[in-house]
Amino acid sequence: MNDNQNSGRSRNLLTRAYFKQGLAVFLVGLALILVYYSINHLGNIKHVLSEINGILMPFYLGIIMAYLLCPIYNFTVRFTYKRVKVRFKKHKTGMKLARVLGTVVSLLVIIVIVAGLIMLIIPSMYESISTLVPKLPGYFNSTIAMIESHLNSNNELSAFLTDNLDNLSENIYKWAQDKLIPASEVIVSRLSSGIIATIGGLFDCLVALIICVYILNSKELFMAQGKKLILALFNEKQSNAIFELGSVCNETFGGFINGKVIDSFIIGVICFICMTLMKLPMAMLISVIVGVTNIIPFFGPFIGAVPSALLLVIMDPVACLKFIIMVVVLQQVDGNIIGPKILGKSTKLSSFWVMFAIIVGGSLFGVPGMILGVPVFAVIYIYIAKAINRKLDRKTIESDTLYYEDFSKYGIDSSELLGEEDSKDGVEKAKSIMSKFKNH
């Protein structure tokens, strides 16, 4: 009987071992097929991601808006509930009233911000256009005068143009027939697409606002349902790891988005003050553009500076040069002083990885990818670093990256960078680690 039981257990163990091996081979084969398909069909994959990105755009915007409005919503609900719960027999009624008031206050904040931006931008834009339009004839006349002076001073160029005037009308007609008419169809098509995209963008913003309201009022329910699902599917250790991941994501995303908005507001205000002191035109309009685009890390100030510089160069080239210098200085101040102070350690990424995350995220998901790519990559980076350090700790190997950095080529001793507490033991560890690399 015991022999039969032992043989049955052995067969079960053998069956499980074969099953695990077969499953591993299947998963590896599936991964290789997916990698091969991805390499040979990058265009199709990018198109699919673009379609998915368009569908999920309202959810991206809604989640970002919910993150930004969450402190205001939570404060309003907490403040209201403490004062109305004693007036109702059922505390749920007081909570419902507090949530309604929190939603109303949050929506009013969005309306006030959007209306304020419109009131700031439109008068400035109207003033800029009304100032620019009367100057256009002068620009046109000065350009013609410059061309005439060149023609009068250059007899060869004048003779060449005179000889070709006879064929000019024929060339223009042929160009219009071959180039302009087909191009006009493309222009009309693109204008139509632009109008449709604008209407779609407004619709996405409206849907995002509704999603934001749902998230604000249901975030506790969503979290509770998520916890139930995780606890039902995973054991305690795995569940705790997933909860920790959620906490890290929430801290990273919330800290980055809120910090970046505050940082962009400060940059916009500083830009307006500097442009006003330098007496540059269109200070309000350009400051709003620079502040809004600054939400995009690293490249944001330059993205906002390009259209602003084009506006300024038409009105005053000297003002454009001053503005470009100011933006370069402002970007350095933001990147080295203001940004790190506000964002703190929300991402823990070096400038290289920030740029990498922006480029990859932007190429795959557009502007939302440029904004959210940094916190997403930051979470991945944190967990990769944790996994590496955990394995090194198990092998009783030093996990601090500074011990692995070799500054001997600069004539710098490691003890100068390790600090007083770590200098004695740290130098020996660093020397031991670096000697292993040199031996290999």
Protein backbone atom coordinates (compact mmCIF):
# COMPACT_ATOMS: atom_id res chain seq x y z
CA MET A 1 0.00 0.00 0.00
CA ASN A 2 2.81 2.35 0.92
CA ASP A 3 4.66 1.40 -2.26
CA ASN A 4 1.59 2.30 -4.33
CA GLN A 5 1.23 5.63 -2.51
CA ASN A 6 4.90 6.44 -3.00
CA SER A 7 4.77 5.53 -6.69
CA GLY A 8 1.64 7.67 -7.09
CA ARG A 9 3.32 10.63 -5.43
CA SER A 10 6.37 10.17 -7.62
CA ARG A 11 4.22 10.11 -10.74
CA ASN A 12 2.42 13.28 -9.56
CA LEU A 13 5.71 15.04 -8.89
CA LEU A 14 7.07 13.92 -12.24
CA THR A 15 3.90 15.07 -13.98
CA ARG A 16 4.13 18.48 -12.28
CA ALA A 17 7.80 18.81 -13.22
CA TYR A 18 7.05 17.99 -16.86
CA PHE A 19 4.11 20.39 -16.79
CA LYS A 20 6.27 23.21 -15.42
CA GLN A 21 8.98 22.54 -17.98
CA GLY A 22 6.45 22.43 -20.80
CA LEU A 23 4.81 25.63 -19.58
CA ALA A 24 8.21 27.34 -19.36
CA VAL A 25 9.11 26.24 -22.92
CA PHE A 26 5.71 27.42 -24.17
CA LEU A 27 6.06 30.84 -22.52
CA VAL A 28 9.60 31.29 -23.86
CA GLY A 29 8.45 30.35 -27.36
CA LEU A 30 5.48 32.71 -27.10
CA ALA A 31 7.79 35.52 -25.94
CA LEU A 32 10.15 34.91 -28.88
CA ILE A 33 7.24 34.96 -31.33
CA LEU A 34 5.95 38.23 -29.84
CA VAL A 35 9.42 39.81 -30.00
CA TYR A 36 9.86 38.69 -33.63
CA TYR A 37 6.41 40.01 -34.56
CA SER A 38 7.04 43.31 -32.77
CA ILE A 39 10.35 43.86 -34.58
CA ASN A 40 8.84 43.15 -38.00
CA HIS A 41 5.57 45.02 -37.47
CA LEU A 42 6.58 48.16 -35.56
CA GLY A 43 4.40 50.33 -37.81
CA ASN A 44 1.28 48.26 -37.11
CA ILE A 45 2.00 48.18 -33.38
CA LYS A 46 2.49 51.95 -33.30
CA HIS A 47 -0.79 52.43 -35.20
CA VAL A 48 -2.63 50.20 -32.73
CA LEU A 49 -1.07 52.07 -29.79
CA SER A 50 -2.12 55.36 -31.40
CA GLU A 51 -5.70 54.12 -31.73
CA ILE A 52 -5.71 52.92 -28.11
CA ASN A 53 -4.19 56.22 -27.04
CA GLY A 54 -6.99 58.13 -28.79
CA ILE A 55 -9.65 56.01 -27.11
CA LEU A 56 -8.08 56.37 -23.66
CA MET A 57 -7.33 60.10 -23.98
CA PRO A 58 -10.39 61.18 -21.92
CA PHE A 59 -9.33 58.76 -19.18
CA TYR A 60 -5.78 60.20 -19.16
CA LEU A 61 -7.14 63.72 -18.84
CA GLY A 62 -9.73 62.68 -16.26
CA ILE A 63 -7.14 60.94 -14.07
CA ILE A 64 -4.78 63.93 -14.26
CA MET A 65 -7.61 66.33 -13.38
CA ALA A 66 -8.65 64.06 -10.48
CA TYR A 67 -5.07 64.05 -9.14
CA LEU A 68 -4.95 67.84 -9.29
CA LEU A 69 -8.37 68.37 -7.73
CA CYS A 70 -8.09 65.61 -5.11
CA PRO A 71 -6.63 67.86 -2.34
CA ILE A 72 -9.39 70.46 -2.88
CA TYR A 73 -12.09 67.77 -3.00
CA ASN A 74 -10.82 65.97 0.11
CA PHE A 75 -10.53 69.21 2.10
CA THR A 76 -14.07 70.31 1.13
CA VAL A 77 -15.58 66.90 1.98
CA ARG A 78 -13.73 66.71 5.30
CA PHE A 79 -14.61 70.29 6.26
CA THR A 80 -18.28 69.91 5.28
CA TYR A 81 -18.82 66.47 6.84
CA LYS A 82 -17.55 67.57 10.26
CA ARG A 83 -20.14 70.36 10.32
CA VAL A 84 -23.19 68.64 8.85
CA LYS A 85 -23.02 65.12 10.32
CA VAL A 86 -24.61 66.26 13.61
CA ARG A 87 -27.60 67.68 11.68
CA PHE A 88 -28.56 64.33 10.14
CA LYS A 89 -29.63 61.13 11.86
CA LYS A 90 -27.87 59.07 9.20
CA HIS A 91 -24.22 59.88 8.69
CA LYS A 92 -24.47 58.62 5.08
CA THR A 93 -26.74 61.56 4.28
CA GLY A 94 -24.14 63.98 5.63
CA MET A 95 -21.44 62.22 3.62
CA LYS A 96 -23.51 62.46 0.42
CA LEU A 97 -24.04 66.16 0.99
CA ALA A 98 -20.31 66.66 1.65
CA ARG A 99 -19.43 64.79 -1.56
CA VAL A 100 -21.88 66.90 -3.59
CA LEU A 101 -20.40 70.09 -2.20
CA GLY A 102 -16.86 68.79 -2.80
CA THR A 103 -17.75 68.05 -6.42
CA VAL A 104 -19.29 71.49 -6.92
CA VAL A 105 -16.27 73.25 -5.43
CA SER A 106 -13.88 71.19 -7.57
CA LEU A 107 -15.82 71.98 -10.75
CA LEU A 108 -15.91 75.68 -9.81
CA VAL A 109 -12.14 75.65 -9.40
CA ILE A 110 -11.74 74.21 -12.93
CA ILE A 111 -14.19 76.76 -14.37
CA VAL A 112 -12.43 79.66 -12.62
CA ILE A 113 -8.99 78.51 -13.83
CA VAL A 114 -10.13 78.01 -17.45
CA ALA A 115 -12.07 81.30 -17.47
CA GLY A 116 -9.10 83.09 -15.93
CA LEU A 117 -6.74 81.75 -18.60
CA ILE A 118 -9.16 82.76 -21.36
CA MET A 119 -9.52 86.25 -19.88
CA LEU A 120 -5.74 86.55 -19.73
CA ILE A 121 -5.03 85.18 -23.20
CA ILE A 122 -7.77 86.70 -25.39
CA PRO A 123 -7.22 90.40 -24.54
CA SER A 124 -3.46 89.94 -24.94
CA MET A 125 -3.95 88.11 -28.24
CA TYR A 126 -6.33 90.81 -29.48
CA GLU A 127 -3.86 93.52 -28.53
CA SER A 128 -1.01 91.68 -30.26
CA ILE A 129 -2.99 91.17 -33.47
CA SER A 130 -4.25 94.77 -33.49
CA THR A 131 -0.64 95.94 -33.04
CA LEU A 132 0.78 93.60 -35.67
CA VAL A 133 -1.77 94.09 -38.48
CA PRO A 134 -1.14 97.86 -39.01
CA LYS A 135 2.59 97.13 -39.25
CA LEU A 136 2.24 94.51 -42.01
CA PRO A 137 2.00 97.07 -44.89
CA GLY A 138 5.17 98.70 -43.58
CA TYR A 139 6.95 95.34 -43.51
CA PHE A 140 5.71 94.63 -47.03
CA ASN A 141 6.83 98.02 -48.37
CA SER A 142 10.23 97.77 -46.72
CA THR A 143 10.71 94.30 -48.23
CA ILE A 144 9.82 95.60 -51.71
CA ALA A 145 12.16 98.57 -51.28
CA MET A 146 14.96 96.23 -50.25
CA ILE A 147 14.38 94.04 -53.33
CA GLU A 148 14.32 97.09 -55.61
CA SER A 149 17.56 98.43 -54.17
CA HIS A 150 19.22 95.05 -54.77
CA LEU A 151 17.96 94.98 -58.35
CA ASN A 152 19.18 98.53 -59.03
CA SER A 153 22.60 97.77 -57.63
CA ASN A 154 22.91 94.38 -59.38
CA ASN A 155 22.62 94.74 -63.16
CA GLU A 156 23.16 91.04 -63.86
CA LEU A 157 20.30 90.02 -61.58
CA SER A 158 18.04 92.71 -63.10
CA ALA A 159 18.83 91.56 -66.65
CA PHE A 160 18.21 87.94 -65.71
CA LEU A 161 14.79 88.75 -64.26
CA THR A 162 13.88 90.91 -67.28
CA ASP A 163 14.75 88.10 -69.70
CA ASN A 164 12.59 85.65 -67.77
CA LEU A 165 9.53 87.88 -67.30
CA ASP A 166 8.09 86.69 -70.61
CA ASN A 167 7.94 83.13 -69.36
CA LEU A 168 6.79 84.13 -65.88
CA SER A 169 3.03 84.04 -66.54
CA GLU A 170 3.31 80.69 -68.27
CA ASN A 171 5.37 79.26 -65.41
CA ILE A 172 2.92 80.60 -62.83
CA TYR A 173 -0.04 79.07 -64.71
CA LYS A 174 1.73 75.72 -64.98
CA TRP A 175 2.74 75.84 -61.31
CA ALA A 176 -0.82 76.65 -60.25
CA GLN A 177 -2.21 73.82 -62.38
CA ASP A 178 0.36 71.21 -61.32
CA LYS A 179 1.07 72.21 -57.73
CA LEU A 180 -1.33 74.74 -56.26
CA ILE A 181 -4.65 73.10 -57.15
CA PRO A 182 -3.67 69.63 -55.83
CA ALA A 183 -2.12 71.27 -52.77
CA SER A 184 -5.32 73.24 -52.12
CA GLU A 185 -7.24 69.97 -51.87
CA VAL A 186 -4.73 68.73 -49.31
CA ILE A 187 -4.98 72.03 -47.41
CA VAL A 188 -8.79 71.87 -47.34
CA SER A 189 -8.60 68.25 -46.18
CA ARG A 190 -6.17 69.14 -43.41
CA LEU A 191 -8.27 72.10 -42.34
CA SER A 192 -11.30 69.83 -42.14
CA SER A 193 -9.29 67.30 -40.15
CA GLY A 194 -8.07 70.08 -37.86
CA ILE A 195 -11.63 71.29 -37.22
CA ILE A 196 -12.79 67.74 -36.53
CA ALA A 197 -9.79 67.18 -34.22
CA THR A 198 -10.60 70.41 -32.35
CA ILE A 199 -14.21 69.36 -31.87
CA GLY A 200 -13.01 65.91 -30.79
CA GLY A 201 -10.59 67.51 -28.33
CA LEU A 202 -13.40 69.58 -26.79
CA PHE A 203 -15.54 66.45 -26.54
CA ASP A 204 -12.64 64.58 -24.89
CA CYS A 205 -12.30 67.40 -22.35
CA LEU A 206 -16.02 67.20 -21.54
CA VAL A 207 -15.86 63.41 -21.14
CA ALA A 208 -12.67 63.79 -19.07
CA LEU A 209 -14.49 66.17 -16.74
CA ILE A 210 -17.25 63.60 -16.21
CA ILE A 211 -14.64 60.86 -15.61
CA CYS A 212 -12.86 63.15 -13.14
CA VAL A 213 -16.10 63.60 -11.16
CA TYR A 214 -16.67 59.83 -11.09
CA ILE A 215 -13.10 59.19 -9.91
CA LEU A 216 -13.30 61.81 -7.15
CA ASN A 217 -16.58 60.45 -5.80
CA SER A 218 -15.78 56.75 -6.26
CA LYS A 219 -12.07 56.51 -5.52
CA GLU A 220 -12.66 54.83 -2.13
CA LEU A 221 -15.06 52.32 -3.74
CA PHE A 222 -12.59 51.57 -6.55
CA MET A 223 -9.79 51.04 -4.03
CA ALA A 224 -11.95 48.77 -1.88
CA GLN A 225 -12.99 46.67 -4.90
CA GLY A 226 -9.37 46.46 -6.02
CA LYS A 227 -8.24 45.29 -2.57
CA LYS A 228 -10.94 42.60 -2.50
CA LEU A 229 -9.92 41.35 -5.94
CA ILE A 230 -6.21 41.25 -5.05
CA LEU A 231 -6.78 39.48 -1.74
CA ALA A 232 -9.00 36.93 -3.48
CA LEU A 233 -6.49 36.12 -6.25
CA PHE A 234 -3.14 36.30 -4.41
CA ASN A 235 -1.65 35.17 -1.13
CA GLU A 236 -0.78 37.58 1.68
CA LYS A 237 2.83 38.19 0.60
CA GLN A 238 1.88 38.83 -3.02
CA SER A 239 -1.03 41.05 -1.98
CA ASN A 240 1.25 43.18 0.21
CA ALA A 241 3.69 43.54 -2.69
CA ILE A 242 0.86 44.72 -4.99
CA PHE A 243 -0.41 47.16 -2.35
CA GLU A 244 3.12 48.51 -2.00
CA LEU A 245 3.30 48.95 -5.79
CA GLY A 246 0.02 50.88 -5.71
CA SER A 247 1.32 53.10 -2.92
CA VAL A 248 4.56 53.80 -4.82
CA CYS A 249 2.62 54.60 -8.02
CA ASN A 250 0.23 56.91 -6.19
CA GLU A 251 3.07 58.72 -4.41
CA THR A 252 5.15 59.05 -7.60
CA PHE A 253 2.32 60.10 -9.91
CA GLY A 254 0.64 62.41 -7.39
CA GLY A 255 3.90 64.06 -6.34
CA PHE A 256 5.05 64.52 -9.93
CA ILE A 257 1.79 65.89 -11.36
CA ASN A 258 1.02 68.25 -8.47
CA GLY A 259 4.63 69.37 -8.23
CA LYS A 260 4.90 69.96 -11.98
CA VAL A 261 1.76 72.10 -12.03
CA ILE A 262 3.08 74.25 -9.17
CA ASP A 263 6.46 74.47 -10.88
CA SER A 264 4.84 75.51 -14.19
CA PHE A 265 2.77 78.19 -12.45
CA ILE A 266 5.91 79.64 -10.83
CA ILE A 267 7.78 79.59 -14.16
CA GLY A 268 4.88 81.36 -15.87
CA VAL A 269 4.83 84.08 -13.18
CA ILE A 270 8.63 84.54 -13.34
CA CYS A 271 8.47 84.71 -17.15
CA PHE A 272 5.78 87.42 -16.97
CA ILE A 273 7.75 89.46 -14.41
CA CYS A 274 10.98 89.22 -16.45
CA MET A 275 9.25 90.13 -19.73
CA THR A 276 7.52 93.08 -18.05
CA LEU A 277 10.77 94.37 -16.58
CA MET A 278 12.49 93.94 -19.97
CA LYS A 279 9.52 95.69 -21.64
CA LEU A 280 8.99 92.85 -24.11
CA PRO A 281 5.68 92.75 -26.05
CA MET A 282 2.92 90.15 -25.51
CA ALA A 283 4.18 89.40 -21.98
CA MET A 284 0.93 87.87 -20.71
CA LEU A 285 0.23 85.68 -23.76
CA ILE A 286 3.79 84.33 -23.99
CA SER A 287 4.02 83.74 -20.23
CA VAL A 288 0.87 81.61 -20.34
CA ILE A 289 2.29 79.61 -23.28
CA VAL A 290 5.62 79.08 -21.50
CA GLY A 291 3.91 78.13 -18.22
CA VAL A 292 1.51 75.63 -19.82
CA THR A 293 4.15 73.92 -21.96
CA ASN A 294 6.50 73.75 -18.97
CA ILE A 295 4.32 70.88 -17.68
CA ILE A 296 6.24 68.74 -20.20
CA PRO A 297 9.55 67.97 -18.45
CA PHE A 298 12.90 68.99 -19.94
CA PHE A 299 11.63 70.02 -23.40
CA GLY A 300 8.61 72.04 -22.21
CA PRO A 301 10.19 75.52 -21.99
CA PHE A 302 11.73 75.15 -25.45
CA ILE A 303 8.46 73.87 -26.97
CA GLY A 304 6.71 76.98 -25.64
CA ALA A 305 9.58 79.26 -26.64
CA VAL A 306 9.49 78.37 -30.37
CA PRO A 307 6.02 79.82 -31.25
CA SER A 308 6.60 82.70 -28.84
CA ALA A 309 9.91 83.58 -30.51
CA LEU A 310 8.24 83.44 -33.95
CA LEU A 311 5.63 85.93 -32.75
CA LEU A 312 8.27 88.24 -31.34
CA VAL A 313 10.62 88.13 -34.33
CA ILE A 314 7.88 89.60 -36.55
CA MET A 315 7.31 92.50 -34.17
CA ASP A 316 10.83 93.13 -32.89
CA PRO A 317 13.89 90.94 -33.67
CA VAL A 318 15.85 92.47 -30.77
CA ALA A 319 13.01 91.58 -28.38
CA CYS A 320 13.06 88.04 -29.79
CA LEU A 321 16.79 87.73 -29.04
CA LYS A 322 16.26 88.99 -25.47
CA PHE A 323 13.42 86.52 -25.01
CA ILE A 324 15.50 83.54 -26.22
CA ILE A 325 18.30 84.42 -23.79
CA MET A 326 15.75 84.81 -20.98
CA VAL A 327 14.16 81.40 -21.72
CA VAL A 328 17.56 79.66 -21.72
CA VAL A 329 18.41 81.21 -18.32
CA LEU A 330 14.92 80.44 -17.00
CA GLN A 331 15.18 76.80 -18.07
CA GLN A 332 18.51 76.45 -16.27
CA VAL A 333 17.07 78.02 -13.11
CA ASP A 334 14.03 75.74 -13.29
CA GLY A 335 16.00 72.58 -14.03
CA ASN A 336 18.65 73.12 -11.35
CA ILE A 337 16.89 75.06 -8.58
CA ILE A 338 13.09 75.40 -8.74
CA GLY A 339 12.17 71.99 -10.19
CA PRO A 340 14.29 69.85 -7.80
CA LYS A 341 13.07 71.85 -4.79
CA ILE A 342 9.38 71.41 -5.64
CA LEU A 343 9.41 67.90 -7.10
CA GLY A 344 11.85 66.66 -4.47
CA LYS A 345 12.43 62.93 -4.78
CA SER A 346 9.15 62.07 -6.48
CA THR A 347 10.89 60.56 -9.51
CA LYS A 348 14.49 59.84 -8.36
CA LEU A 349 15.60 59.87 -12.00
CA SER A 350 18.69 61.45 -13.49
CA SER A 351 18.36 63.94 -16.36
CA PHE A 352 19.35 61.27 -18.89
CA TRP A 353 16.54 58.90 -17.88
CA VAL A 354 14.04 61.79 -17.76
CA MET A 355 14.92 62.64 -21.37
CA PHE A 356 14.73 58.94 -22.32
CA ALA A 357 11.27 58.59 -20.74
CA ILE A 358 10.00 61.73 -22.49
CA ILE A 359 11.24 60.67 -25.94
CA VAL A 360 9.90 57.10 -25.67
CA GLY A 361 6.61 58.14 -24.06
CA GLY A 362 6.08 60.94 -26.57
CA SER A 363 6.78 58.72 -29.58
CA LEU A 364 4.31 56.07 -28.37
CA PHE A 365 1.52 58.12 -26.76
CA GLY A 366 2.02 61.75 -27.86
CA VAL A 367 1.77 64.63 -25.38
CA PRO A 368 0.24 62.50 -22.55
CA GLY A 369 3.17 60.13 -22.98
CA MET A 370 5.63 63.01 -22.64
CA ILE A 371 3.98 64.06 -19.36
CA LEU A 372 3.20 60.66 -17.82
CA GLY A 373 6.22 58.84 -19.27
CA VAL A 374 8.47 60.22 -16.51
CA PRO A 375 6.49 58.91 -13.49
CA VAL A 376 5.81 55.59 -15.27
CA PHE A 377 9.49 55.07 -15.97
CA ALA A 378 10.30 56.25 -12.42
CA VAL A 379 8.16 53.44 -10.95
CA ILE A 380 9.83 50.88 -13.26
CA TYR A 381 13.25 52.26 -12.34
CA ILE A 382 12.48 52.04 -8.59
CA TYR A 383 11.47 48.39 -8.80
CA ILE A 384 14.41 47.39 -11.00
CA ALA A 385 16.76 49.09 -8.53
CA LYS A 386 15.04 47.32 -5.61
CA ALA A 387 15.35 43.92 -7.31
CA ILE A 388 19.06 44.45 -8.05
CA ASN A 389 19.82 45.69 -4.53
CA ARG A 390 17.87 42.79 -3.00
CA LYS A 391 19.93 40.25 -4.94
CA LEU A 392 23.17 41.98 -3.97
CA ASP A 393 22.13 42.01 -0.30
CA ARG A 394 21.41 38.28 -0.43
CA LYS A 395 24.95 37.77 -1.73
CA THR A 396 26.25 40.10 1.02
CA ILE A 397 27.62 42.44 -1.67
CA GLU A 398 27.51 46.22 -1.24
CA SER A 399 24.46 47.69 -3.01
CA ASP A 400 25.32 51.42 -2.88
CA THR A 401 26.11 52.52 -6.44
CA LEU A 402 28.74 55.01 -5.24
CA TYR A 403 31.03 52.15 -4.22
CA TYR A 404 31.15 50.98 -7.84
CA GLU A 405 32.05 54.36 -9.34
CA ASP A 406 35.72 54.74 -10.25
CA PHE A 407 36.98 58.33 -10.03
CA SER A 408 40.69 57.46 -10.11
CA LYS A 409 41.02 58.83 -13.67
CA TYR A 410 40.25 62.26 -12.22
CA GLY A 411 42.72 61.85 -9.36
CA ILE A 412 39.87 61.72 -6.81
CA ASP A 413 39.94 59.41 -3.79
CA SER A 414 36.65 57.62 -3.04
CA SER A 415 36.81 58.72 0.59
CA GLU A 416 36.21 62.31 -0.53
CA LEU A 417 32.78 61.34 -1.87
CA LEU A 418 31.66 58.63 0.58
CA GLY A 419 31.36 60.90 3.63
CA GLU A 420 32.88 60.75 7.09
CA GLU A 421 30.79 57.84 8.41
CA ASP A 422 31.47 55.60 5.43
CA SER A 423 34.98 56.77 4.64
CA LYS A 424 36.89 54.10 6.60
CA ASP A 425 34.90 51.00 5.72
CA GLY A 426 33.68 52.49 2.46
CA VAL A 427 37.11 53.06 0.97
CA GLU A 428 38.10 49.45 1.67
CA LYS A 429 34.86 48.18 0.13
CA ALA A 430 35.28 50.42 -2.89
CA LYS A 431 38.86 49.31 -3.40
CA SER A 432 37.85 45.66 -3.07
CA ILE A 433 35.01 46.04 -5.57
CA MET A 434 37.06 47.99 -8.09
CA SER A 435 39.94 45.52 -7.81
CA LYS A 436 37.56 42.73 -8.87
CA PHE A 437 36.64 44.69 -11.98
CA LYS A 438 40.32 45.33 -12.78
CA ASN A 439 41.21 41.68 -12.32
CA HIS A 440 38.49 40.71 -14.79
